[in-house]
Amino acid sequence: GTCDALPVYAPDGAEQRLATAYADMPSATAMSEVFDFRTLKPGS
């Protein structure tokens, strides 16, 4: 079964970088279906 989207705290552009590295995504949204990308900013 499918996984819930896992929070991933990363610099801006992480989804695009990883999708580019993977190169052959099943769909345009596949990466964000399993990873909930949250852009890091300085702070607590």
PDB file of all heavy atoms in Angstrom:
ATOM      1  N   GLY A   1       0.819  -1.207   0.000  1.00  0.00           N
ATOM      2  CA  GLY A   1       0.000   0.000   0.000  1.00  0.00           C
ATOM      3  C   GLY A   1       0.850   1.252   0.000  1.00  0.00           C
ATOM      4  O   GLY A   1       2.045   1.218   0.289  1.00  0.00           O
ATOM      5  N   THR A   2       0.229   2.354  -0.334  1.00  0.00           N
ATOM      6  CA  THR A   2       0.962   3.610  -0.441  1.00  0.00           C
ATOM      7  C   THR A   2       1.319   4.172   0.937  1.00  0.00           C
ATOM      8  O   THR A   2       0.677   3.858   1.935  1.00  0.00           O
ATOM      9  CB  THR A   2       0.121   4.658  -1.192  1.00  0.00           C
ATOM     10  OG1 THR A   2      -1.120   4.836  -0.488  1.00  0.00           O
ATOM     11  CG2 THR A   2      -0.155   4.215  -2.613  1.00  0.00           C
ATOM     12  N   CYS A   3       2.359   4.993   0.964  1.00  0.00           N
ATOM     13  CA  CYS A   3       2.800   5.647   2.195  1.00  0.00           C
ATOM     14  C   CYS A   3       2.218   7.050   2.278  1.00  0.00           C
ATOM     15  O   CYS A   3       2.017   7.718   1.261  1.00  0.00           O
ATOM     16  CB  CYS A   3       4.327   5.767   2.215  1.00  0.00           C
ATOM     17  SG  CYS A   3       5.203   4.212   2.325  1.00  0.00           S
ATOM     18  N   ASP A   4       1.982   7.492   3.485  1.00  0.00           N
ATOM     19  CA  ASP A   4       1.655   8.904   3.669  1.00  0.00           C
ATOM     20  C   ASP A   4       2.871   9.746   3.313  1.00  0.00           C
ATOM     21  O   ASP A   4       4.019   9.282   3.383  1.00  0.00           O
ATOM     22  CB  ASP A   4       1.257   9.175   5.122  1.00  0.00           C
ATOM     23  CG  ASP A   4      -0.056   8.507   5.504  1.00  0.00           C
ATOM     24  OD1 ASP A   4      -0.878   8.264   4.608  1.00  0.00           O
ATOM     25  OD2 ASP A   4      -0.232   8.212   6.703  1.00  0.00           O
ATOM     26  N   ALA A   5       2.635  10.994   2.934  1.00  0.00           N
ATOM     27  CA  ALA A   5       3.741  11.884   2.584  1.00  0.00           C
ATOM     28  C   ALA A   5       4.566  12.188   3.833  1.00  0.00           C
ATOM     29  O   ALA A   5       4.038  12.651   4.842  1.00  0.00           O
ATOM     30  CB  ALA A   5       3.208  13.164   1.963  1.00  0.00           C
ATOM     31  N   LEU A   6       5.849  11.915   3.765  1.00  0.00           N
ATOM     32  CA  LEU A   6       6.758  12.087   4.892  1.00  0.00           C
ATOM     33  C   LEU A   6       7.329  13.503   4.883  1.00  0.00           C
ATOM     34  O   LEU A   6       7.856  13.953   3.855  1.00  0.00           O
ATOM     35  CB  LEU A   6       7.905  11.075   4.781  1.00  0.00           C
ATOM     36  CG  LEU A   6       8.954  11.078   5.886  1.00  0.00           C
ATOM     37  CD1 LEU A   6       8.357  10.544   7.183  1.00  0.00           C
ATOM     38  CD2 LEU A   6      10.155  10.225   5.468  1.00  0.00           C
ATOM     39  N   PRO A   7       7.254  14.238   5.995  1.00  0.00           N
ATOM     40  CA  PRO A   7       7.831  15.584   6.022  1.00  0.00           C
ATOM     41  C   PRO A   7       9.335  15.556   5.743  1.00  0.00           C
ATOM     42  O   PRO A   7      10.079  14.789   6.364  1.00  0.00           O
ATOM     43  CB  PRO A   7       7.545  16.060   7.451  1.00  0.00           C
ATOM     44  CG  PRO A   7       6.370  15.252   7.896  1.00  0.00           C
ATOM     45  CD  PRO A   7       6.561  13.906   7.254  1.00  0.00           C
ATOM     46  N   VAL A   8       9.756  16.374   4.789  1.00  0.00           N
ATOM     47  CA  VAL A   8      11.170  16.514   4.440  1.00  0.00           C
ATOM     48  C   VAL A   8      11.524  17.997   4.503  1.00  0.00           C
ATOM     49  O   VAL A   8      11.020  18.795   3.709  1.00  0.00           O
ATOM     50  CB  VAL A   8      11.470  15.958   3.029  1.00  0.00           C
ATOM     51  CG1 VAL A   8      12.939  16.201   2.663  1.00  0.00           C
ATOM     52  CG2 VAL A   8      11.133  14.471   2.950  1.00  0.00           C
ATOM     53  N   TYR A   9      12.350  18.356   5.459  1.00  0.00           N
ATOM     54  CA  TYR A   9      12.792  19.741   5.640  1.00  0.00           C
ATOM     55  C   TYR A   9      14.094  19.908   4.869  1.00  0.00           C
ATOM     56  O   TYR A   9      15.091  19.259   5.170  1.00  0.00           O
ATOM     57  CB  TYR A   9      12.975  20.046   7.124  1.00  0.00           C
ATOM     58  CG  TYR A   9      11.684  19.968   7.905  1.00  0.00           C
ATOM     59  CD1 TYR A   9      11.188  18.744   8.357  1.00  0.00           C
ATOM     60  CD2 TYR A   9      10.947  21.116   8.175  1.00  0.00           C
ATOM     61  CE1 TYR A   9       9.987  18.664   9.055  1.00  0.00           C
ATOM     62  CE2 TYR A   9       9.746  21.051   8.878  1.00  0.00           C
ATOM     63  CZ  TYR A   9       9.278  19.821   9.307  1.00  0.00           C
ATOM     64  OH  TYR A   9       8.083  19.749   9.996  1.00  0.00           O
ATOM     65  N   ALA A  10      14.074  20.775   3.854  1.00  0.00           N
ATOM     66  CA  ALA A  10      15.204  20.857   2.943  1.00  0.00           C
ATOM     67  C   ALA A  10      15.286  22.251   2.337  1.00  0.00           C
ATOM     68  O   ALA A  10      14.311  23.007   2.342  1.00  0.00           O
ATOM     69  CB  ALA A  10      15.037  19.812   1.833  1.00  0.00           C
ATOM     70  N   PRO A  11      16.450  22.600   1.788  1.00  0.00           N
ATOM     71  CA  PRO A  11      16.557  23.882   1.093  1.00  0.00           C
ATOM     72  C   PRO A  11      15.590  23.961  -0.090  1.00  0.00           C
ATOM     73  O   PRO A  11      15.128  22.929  -0.609  1.00  0.00           O
ATOM     74  CB  PRO A  11      18.021  23.898   0.618  1.00  0.00           C
ATOM     75  CG  PRO A  11      18.729  22.992   1.551  1.00  0.00           C
ATOM     76  CD  PRO A  11      17.744  21.909   1.876  1.00  0.00           C
ATOM     77  N   ASP A  12      15.316  25.151  -0.510  1.00  0.00           N
ATOM     78  CA  ASP A  12      14.423  25.386  -1.644  1.00  0.00           C
ATOM     79  C   ASP A  12      14.928  24.631  -2.870  1.00  0.00           C
ATOM     80  O   ASP A  12      16.123  24.589  -3.147  1.00  0.00           O
ATOM     81  CB  ASP A  12      14.362  26.891  -1.932  1.00  0.00           C
ATOM     82  CG  ASP A  12      13.313  27.234  -2.956  1.00  0.00           C
ATOM     83  OD1 ASP A  12      12.244  26.595  -2.964  1.00  0.00           O
ATOM     84  OD2 ASP A  12      13.564  28.151  -3.773  1.00  0.00           O
ATOM     85  N   GLY A  13      14.004  24.023  -3.602  1.00  0.00           N
ATOM     86  CA  GLY A  13      14.354  23.313  -4.822  1.00  0.00           C
ATOM     87  C   GLY A  13      14.632  21.836  -4.639  1.00  0.00           C
ATOM     88  O   GLY A  13      15.023  21.157  -5.605  1.00  0.00           O
ATOM     89  N   ALA A  14      14.410  21.308  -3.448  1.00  0.00           N
ATOM     90  CA  ALA A  14      14.737  19.902  -3.189  1.00  0.00           C
ATOM     91  C   ALA A  14      13.912  18.956  -4.056  1.00  0.00           C
ATOM     92  O   ALA A  14      14.449  17.986  -4.616  1.00  0.00           O
ATOM     93  CB  ALA A  14      14.534  19.578  -1.711  1.00  0.00           C
ATOM     94  N   GLU A  15      12.633  19.209  -4.182  1.00  0.00           N
ATOM     95  CA  GLU A  15      11.793  18.314  -4.983  1.00  0.00           C
ATOM     96  C   GLU A  15      12.278  18.266  -6.437  1.00  0.00           C
ATOM     97  O   GLU A  15      12.417  17.183  -7.023  1.00  0.00           O
ATOM     98  CB  GLU A  15      10.334  18.757  -4.929  1.00  0.00           C
ATOM     99  CG  GLU A  15       9.414  17.857  -5.749  1.00  0.00           C
ATOM    100  CD  GLU A  15       7.948  18.264  -5.694  1.00  0.00           C
ATOM    101  OE1 GLU A  15       7.622  19.243  -4.986  1.00  0.00           O
ATOM    102  OE2 GLU A  15       7.133  17.596  -6.351  1.00  0.00           O
ATOM    103  N   GLN A  16      12.549  19.426  -7.008  1.00  0.00           N
ATOM    104  CA  GLN A  16      13.017  19.471  -8.389  1.00  0.00           C
ATOM    105  C   GLN A  16      14.368  18.776  -8.540  1.00  0.00           C
ATOM    106  O   GLN A  16      14.600  18.032  -9.502  1.00  0.00           O
ATOM    107  CB  GLN A  16      13.124  20.915  -8.863  1.00  0.00           C
ATOM    108  CG  GLN A  16      13.596  21.050 -10.307  1.00  0.00           C
ATOM    109  CD  GLN A  16      13.723  22.489 -10.740  1.00  0.00           C
ATOM    110  OE1 GLN A  16      13.540  23.414  -9.948  1.00  0.00           O
ATOM    111  NE2 GLN A  16      14.028  22.695 -12.006  1.00  0.00           N
ATOM    112  N   ARG A  17      15.269  18.996  -7.589  1.00  0.00           N
ATOM    113  CA  ARG A  17      16.589  18.383  -7.669  1.00  0.00           C
ATOM    114  C   ARG A  17      16.479  16.863  -7.641  1.00  0.00           C
ATOM    115  O   ARG A  17      17.125  16.161  -8.440  1.00  0.00           O
ATOM    116  CB  ARG A  17      17.461  18.872  -6.511  1.00  0.00           C
ATOM    117  CG  ARG A  17      18.835  18.219  -6.409  1.00  0.00           C
ATOM    118  CD  ARG A  17      19.730  18.572  -7.595  1.00  0.00           C
ATOM    119  NE  ARG A  17      19.994  19.987  -7.620  1.00  0.00           N
ATOM    120  CZ  ARG A  17      20.988  20.584  -6.959  1.00  0.00           C
ATOM    121  NH1 ARG A  17      21.806  19.858  -6.228  1.00  0.00           N
ATOM    122  NH2 ARG A  17      21.163  21.880  -7.054  1.00  0.00           N
ATOM    123  N   LEU A  18      15.679  16.325  -6.726  1.00  0.00           N
ATOM    124  CA  LEU A  18      15.567  14.877  -6.609  1.00  0.00           C
ATOM    125  C   LEU A  18      14.818  14.274  -7.787  1.00  0.00           C
ATOM    126  O   LEU A  18      15.177  13.192  -8.270  1.00  0.00           O
ATOM    127  CB  LEU A  18      14.885  14.517  -5.294  1.00  0.00           C
ATOM    128  CG  LEU A  18      15.689  14.866  -4.040  1.00  0.00           C
ATOM    129  CD1 LEU A  18      14.850  14.647  -2.792  1.00  0.00           C
ATOM    130  CD2 LEU A  18      16.973  14.051  -3.963  1.00  0.00           C
ATOM    131  N   ALA A  19      13.790  14.964  -8.270  1.00  0.00           N
ATOM    132  CA  ALA A  19      13.067  14.474  -9.442  1.00  0.00           C
ATOM    133  C   ALA A  19      13.973  14.464 -10.669  1.00  0.00           C
ATOM    134  O   ALA A  19      13.921  13.539 -11.490  1.00  0.00           O
ATOM    135  CB  ALA A  19      11.835  15.339  -9.692  1.00  0.00           C
ATOM    136  N   THR A  20      14.830  15.466 -10.786  1.00  0.00           N
ATOM    137  CA  THR A  20      15.778  15.512 -11.897  1.00  0.00           C
ATOM    138  C   THR A  20      16.785  14.376 -11.799  1.00  0.00           C
ATOM    139  O   THR A  20      17.128  13.724 -12.799  1.00  0.00           O
ATOM    140  CB  THR A  20      16.516  16.861 -11.926  1.00  0.00           C
ATOM    141  OG1 THR A  20      15.553  17.913 -12.080  1.00  0.00           O
ATOM    142  CG2 THR A  20      17.524  16.928 -13.054  1.00  0.00           C
ATOM    143  N   ALA A  21      17.261  14.109 -10.587  1.00  0.00           N
ATOM    144  CA  ALA A  21      18.213  13.013 -10.395  1.00  0.00           C
ATOM    145  C   ALA A  21      17.568  11.666 -10.708  1.00  0.00           C
ATOM    146  O   ALA A  21      18.205  10.798 -11.323  1.00  0.00           O
ATOM    147  CB  ALA A  21      18.738  13.030  -8.962  1.00  0.00           C
ATOM    148  N   TYR A  22      16.314  11.501 -10.321  1.00  0.00           N
ATOM    149  CA  TYR A  22      15.614  10.254 -10.615  1.00  0.00           C
ATOM    150  C   TYR A  22      15.380  10.107 -12.116  1.00  0.00           C
ATOM    151  O   TYR A  22      15.474   9.021 -12.673  1.00  0.00           O
ATOM    152  CB  TYR A  22      14.287  10.219  -9.852  1.00  0.00           C
ATOM    153  CG  TYR A  22      13.605   8.869  -9.906  1.00  0.00           C
ATOM    154  CD1 TYR A  22      13.934   7.888  -8.980  1.00  0.00           C
ATOM    155  CD2 TYR A  22      12.657   8.580 -10.888  1.00  0.00           C
ATOM    156  CE1 TYR A  22      13.314   6.637  -9.023  1.00  0.00           C
ATOM    157  CE2 TYR A  22      12.050   7.337 -10.943  1.00  0.00           C
ATOM    158  CZ  TYR A  22      12.372   6.373 -10.012  1.00  0.00           C
ATOM    159  OH  TYR A  22      11.769   5.139 -10.068  1.00  0.00           O
ATOM    160  N   ALA A  23      15.021  11.207 -12.753  1.00  0.00           N
ATOM    161  CA  ALA A  23      14.984  11.365 -14.220  1.00  0.00           C
ATOM    162  C   ALA A  23      13.744  10.807 -14.914  1.00  0.00           C
ATOM    163  O   ALA A  23      13.346  11.323 -15.949  1.00  0.00           O
ATOM    164  CB  ALA A  23      16.239  10.773 -14.860  1.00  0.00           C
ATOM    165  N   ASP A  24      13.119   9.788 -14.396  1.00  0.00           N
ATOM    166  CA  ASP A  24      11.991   9.173 -15.100  1.00  0.00           C
ATOM    167  C   ASP A  24      10.836   8.980 -14.133  1.00  0.00           C
ATOM    168  O   ASP A  24      10.448   7.862 -13.803  1.00  0.00           O
ATOM    169  CB  ASP A  24      12.428   7.835 -15.707  1.00  0.00           C
ATOM    170  CG  ASP A  24      11.357   7.235 -16.610  1.00  0.00           C
ATOM    171  OD1 ASP A  24      10.487   7.990 -17.076  1.00  0.00           O
ATOM    172  OD2 ASP A  24      11.392   6.005 -16.841  1.00  0.00           O
ATOM    173  N   MET A  25      10.276  10.104 -13.679  1.00  0.00           N
ATOM    174  CA  MET A  25       9.212  10.050 -12.687  1.00  0.00           C
ATOM    175  C   MET A  25       7.942   9.435 -13.269  1.00  0.00           C
ATOM    176  O   MET A  25       7.597   9.677 -14.428  1.00  0.00           O
ATOM    177  CB  MET A  25       8.905  11.457 -12.169  1.00  0.00           C
ATOM    178  CG  MET A  25      10.076  12.156 -11.508  1.00  0.00           C
ATOM    179  SD  MET A  25      10.675  11.270 -10.067  1.00  0.00           S
ATOM    180  CE  MET A  25       9.220  11.317  -9.032  1.00  0.00           C
ATOM    181  N   PRO A  26       7.228   8.641 -12.461  1.00  0.00           N
ATOM    182  CA  PRO A  26       5.960   8.079 -12.939  1.00  0.00           C
ATOM    183  C   PRO A  26       4.941   9.150 -13.298  1.00  0.00           C
ATOM    184  O   PRO A  26       4.092   8.948 -14.170  1.00  0.00           O
ATOM    185  CB  PRO A  26       5.477   7.239 -11.754  1.00  0.00           C
ATOM    186  CG  PRO A  26       6.700   6.977 -10.946  1.00  0.00           C
ATOM    187  CD  PRO A  26       7.582   8.165 -11.123  1.00  0.00           C
ATOM    188  N   SER A  27       5.013  10.292 -12.601  1.00  0.00           N
ATOM    189  CA  SER A  27       4.134  11.421 -12.894  1.00  0.00           C
ATOM    190  C   SER A  27       4.799  12.687 -12.381  1.00  0.00           C
ATOM    191  O   SER A  27       5.774  12.625 -11.618  1.00  0.00           O
ATOM    192  CB  SER A  27       2.767  11.245 -12.227  1.00  0.00           C
ATOM    193  OG  SER A  27       2.871  11.408 -10.826  1.00  0.00           O
ATOM    194  N   ALA A  28       4.270  13.821 -12.764  1.00  0.00           N
ATOM    195  CA  ALA A  28       4.861  15.091 -12.359  1.00  0.00           C
ATOM    196  C   ALA A  28       4.760  15.317 -10.860  1.00  0.00           C
ATOM    197  O   ALA A  28       5.538  16.083 -10.284  1.00  0.00           O
ATOM    198  CB  ALA A  28       4.190  16.237 -13.113  1.00  0.00           C
ATOM    199  N   THR A  29       3.800  14.661 -10.218  1.00  0.00           N
ATOM    200  CA  THR A  29       3.577  14.876  -8.783  1.00  0.00           C
ATOM    201  C   THR A  29       4.052  13.710  -7.919  1.00  0.00           C
ATOM    202  O   THR A  29       3.875  13.736  -6.706  1.00  0.00           O
ATOM    203  CB  THR A  29       2.083  15.111  -8.508  1.00  0.00           C
ATOM    204  OG1 THR A  29       1.331  13.935  -8.905  1.00  0.00           O
ATOM    205  CG2 THR A  29       1.568  16.324  -9.279  1.00  0.00           C
ATOM    206  N   ALA A  30       4.648  12.696  -8.522  1.00  0.00           N
ATOM    207  CA  ALA A  30       4.956  11.464  -7.783  1.00  0.00           C
ATOM    208  C   ALA A  30       5.874  11.709  -6.588  1.00  0.00           C
ATOM    209  O   ALA A  30       5.660  11.152  -5.508  1.00  0.00           O
ATOM    210  CB  ALA A  30       5.582  10.436  -8.723  1.00  0.00           C
ATOM    211  N   MET A  31       6.890  12.546  -6.761  1.00  0.00           N
ATOM    212  CA  MET A  31       7.829  12.795  -5.664  1.00  0.00           C
ATOM    213  C   MET A  31       7.122  13.409  -4.464  1.00  0.00           C
ATOM    214  O   MET A  31       7.351  13.026  -3.309  1.00  0.00           O
ATOM    215  CB  MET A  31       8.965  13.689  -6.141  1.00  0.00           C
ATOM    216  CG  MET A  31      10.124  13.853  -5.167  1.00  0.00           C
ATOM    217  SD  MET A  31      11.120  12.372  -4.881  1.00  0.00           S
ATOM    218  CE  MET A  31      12.016  12.232  -6.443  1.00  0.00           C
ATOM    219  N   SER A  32       6.233  14.364  -4.736  1.00  0.00           N
ATOM    220  CA  SER A  32       5.526  15.040  -3.637  1.00  0.00           C
ATOM    221  C   SER A  32       4.395  14.195  -3.072  1.00  0.00           C
ATOM    222  O   SER A  32       3.832  14.543  -2.028  1.00  0.00           O
ATOM    223  CB  SER A  32       4.992  16.398  -4.111  1.00  0.00           C
ATOM    224  OG  SER A  32       4.096  16.241  -5.188  1.00  0.00           O
ATOM    225  N   GLU A  33       4.056  13.105  -3.719  1.00  0.00           N
ATOM    226  CA  GLU A  33       3.044  12.216  -3.166  1.00  0.00           C
ATOM    227  C   GLU A  33       3.581  11.418  -1.978  1.00  0.00           C
ATOM    228  O   GLU A  33       2.805  11.000  -1.112  1.00  0.00           O
ATOM    229  CB  GLU A  33       2.531  11.258  -4.249  1.00  0.00           C
ATOM    230  CG  GLU A  33       1.669  11.947  -5.299  1.00  0.00           C
ATOM    231  CD  GLU A  33       1.275  11.006  -6.426  1.00  0.00           C
ATOM    232  OE1 GLU A  33       1.191   9.777  -6.175  1.00  0.00           O
ATOM    233  OE2 GLU A  33       1.060  11.488  -7.551  1.00  0.00           O
ATOM    234  N   VAL A  34       4.890  11.201  -1.931  1.00  0.00           N
ATOM    235  CA  VAL A  34       5.452  10.443  -0.814  1.00  0.00           C
ATOM    236  C   VAL A  34       6.322  11.289   0.101  1.00  0.00           C
ATOM    237  O   VAL A  34       6.627  10.882   1.220  1.00  0.00           O
ATOM    238  CB  VAL A  34       6.253   9.213  -1.310  1.00  0.00           C
ATOM    239  CG1 VAL A  34       5.335   8.233  -2.008  1.00  0.00           C
ATOM    240  CG2 VAL A  34       7.398   9.609  -2.205  1.00  0.00           C
ATOM    241  N   PHE A  35       6.734  12.483  -0.374  1.00  0.00           N
ATOM    242  CA  PHE A  35       7.513  13.400   0.450  1.00  0.00           C
ATOM    243  C   PHE A  35       6.809  14.749   0.524  1.00  0.00           C
ATOM    244  O   PHE A  35       6.473  15.342  -0.502  1.00  0.00           O
ATOM    245  CB  PHE A  35       8.919  13.605  -0.129  1.00  0.00           C
ATOM    246  CG  PHE A  35       9.761  12.364  -0.183  1.00  0.00           C
ATOM    247  CD1 PHE A  35      10.447  12.025  -1.341  1.00  0.00           C
ATOM    248  CD2 PHE A  35       9.876  11.529   0.924  1.00  0.00           C
ATOM    249  CE1 PHE A  35      11.230  10.887  -1.396  1.00  0.00           C
ATOM    250  CE2 PHE A  35      10.655  10.373   0.874  1.00  0.00           C
ATOM    251  CZ  PHE A  35      11.332  10.055  -0.293  1.00  0.00           C
ATOM    252  N   ASP A  36       6.591  15.207   1.735  1.00  0.00           N
ATOM    253  CA  ASP A  36       6.000  16.524   1.972  1.00  0.00           C
ATOM    254  C   ASP A  36       7.143  17.512   2.164  1.00  0.00           C
ATOM    255  O   ASP A  36       7.645  17.694   3.274  1.00  0.00           O
ATOM    256  CB  ASP A  36       5.107  16.461   3.213  1.00  0.00           C
ATOM    257  CG  ASP A  36       4.509  17.804   3.582  1.00  0.00           C
ATOM    258  OD1 ASP A  36       4.620  18.763   2.789  1.00  0.00           O
ATOM    259  OD2 ASP A  36       3.944  17.903   4.693  1.00  0.00           O
ATOM    260  N   PHE A  37       7.576  18.143   1.076  1.00  0.00           N
ATOM    261  CA  PHE A  37       8.732  19.028   1.124  1.00  0.00           C
ATOM    262  C   PHE A  37       8.381  20.341   1.820  1.00  0.00           C
ATOM    263  O   PHE A  37       7.411  21.010   1.459  1.00  0.00           O
ATOM    264  CB  PHE A  37       9.247  19.312  -0.287  1.00  0.00           C
ATOM    265  CG  PHE A  37       9.890  18.120  -0.931  1.00  0.00           C
ATOM    266  CD1 PHE A  37       9.160  17.323  -1.817  1.00  0.00           C
ATOM    267  CD2 PHE A  37      11.203  17.780  -0.645  1.00  0.00           C
ATOM    268  CE1 PHE A  37       9.748  16.217  -2.412  1.00  0.00           C
ATOM    269  CE2 PHE A  37      11.797  16.669  -1.239  1.00  0.00           C
ATOM    270  CZ  PHE A  37      11.064  15.887  -2.127  1.00  0.00           C
ATOM    271  N   ARG A  38       9.205  20.697   2.812  1.00  0.00           N
ATOM    272  CA  ARG A  38       9.013  21.926   3.575  1.00  0.00           C
ATOM    273  C   ARG A  38      10.311  22.722   3.515  1.00  0.00           C
ATOM    274  O   ARG A  38      11.354  22.245   3.958  1.00  0.00           O
ATOM    275  CB  ARG A  38       8.621  21.600   5.024  1.00  0.00           C
ATOM    276  CG  ARG A  38       7.376  20.704   5.085  1.00  0.00           C
ATOM    277  CD  ARG A  38       6.954  20.352   6.490  1.00  0.00           C
ATOM    278  NE  ARG A  38       5.813  19.452   6.473  1.00  0.00           N
ATOM    279  CZ  ARG A  38       5.130  19.083   7.562  1.00  0.00           C
ATOM    280  NH1 ARG A  38       5.498  19.548   8.761  1.00  0.00           N
ATOM    281  NH2 ARG A  38       4.105  18.259   7.458  1.00  0.00           N
ATOM    282  N   THR A  39      10.246  23.905   2.940  1.00  0.00           N
ATOM    283  CA  THR A  39      11.445  24.691   2.675  1.00  0.00           C
ATOM    284  C   THR A  39      12.048  25.222   3.960  1.00  0.00           C
ATOM    285  O   THR A  39      11.368  25.883   4.751  1.00  0.00           O
ATOM    286  CB  THR A  39      11.126  25.858   1.729  1.00  0.00           C
ATOM    287  OG1 THR A  39      10.613  25.324   0.501  1.00  0.00           O
ATOM    288  CG2 THR A  39      12.381  26.676   1.422  1.00  0.00           C
ATOM    289  N   LEU A  40      13.318  24.925   4.166  1.00  0.00           N
ATOM    290  CA  LEU A  40      14.023  25.402   5.350  1.00  0.00           C
ATOM    291  C   LEU A  40      14.272  26.895   5.284  1.00  0.00           C
ATOM    292  O   LEU A  40      14.623  27.439   4.235  1.00  0.00           O
ATOM    293  CB  LEU A  40      15.370  24.688   5.499  1.00  0.00           C
ATOM    294  CG  LEU A  40      15.368  23.275   6.066  1.00  0.00           C
ATOM    295  CD1 LEU A  40      16.735  22.630   5.885  1.00  0.00           C
ATOM    296  CD2 LEU A  40      14.982  23.291   7.545  1.00  0.00           C
ATOM    297  N   LYS A  41      14.083  27.541   6.405  1.00  0.00           N
ATOM    298  CA  LYS A  41      14.445  28.937   6.608  1.00  0.00           C
ATOM    299  C   LYS A  41      15.168  29.034   7.947  1.00  0.00           C
ATOM    300  O   LYS A  41      14.926  28.231   8.842  1.00  0.00           O
ATOM    301  CB  LYS A  41      13.201  29.839   6.621  1.00  0.00           C
ATOM    302  CG  LYS A  41      12.363  29.786   5.347  1.00  0.00           C
ATOM    303  CD  LYS A  41      13.094  30.423   4.176  1.00  0.00           C
ATOM    304  CE  LYS A  41      12.205  30.434   2.929  1.00  0.00           C
ATOM    305  NZ  LYS A  41      12.929  30.953   1.748  1.00  0.00           N
ATOM    306  N   PRO A  42      16.049  29.993   8.119  1.00  0.00           N
ATOM    307  CA  PRO A  42      16.689  30.153   9.424  1.00  0.00           C
ATOM    308  C   PRO A  42      15.641  30.394  10.510  1.00  0.00           C
ATOM    309  O   PRO A  42      14.687  31.143  10.323  1.00  0.00           O
ATOM    310  CB  PRO A  42      17.582  31.381   9.229  1.00  0.00           C
ATOM    311  CG  PRO A  42      17.851  31.423   7.766  1.00  0.00           C
ATOM    312  CD  PRO A  42      16.583  30.946   7.121  1.00  0.00           C
ATOM    313  N   GLY A  43      15.823  29.723  11.641  1.00  0.00           N
ATOM    314  CA  GLY A  43      14.899  29.913  12.752  1.00  0.00           C
ATOM    315  C   GLY A  43      14.595  28.620  13.468  1.00  0.00           C
ATOM    316  O   GLY A  43      15.159  27.565  13.169  1.00  0.00           O
ATOM    317  N   SER A  44      13.685  28.696  14.442  1.00  0.00           N
ATOM    318  CA  SER A  44      13.352  27.571  15.308  1.00  0.00           C
ATOM    319  C   SER A  44      11.918  27.108  15.077  1.00  0.00           C
ATOM    320  O   SER A  44      11.048  27.911  14.715  1.00  0.00           O
ATOM    321  CB  SER A  44      13.531  27.959  16.780  1.00  0.00           C
ATOM    322  OG  SER A  44      14.874  28.330  17.049  1.00  0.00           O
TER     323      SER A  44
END
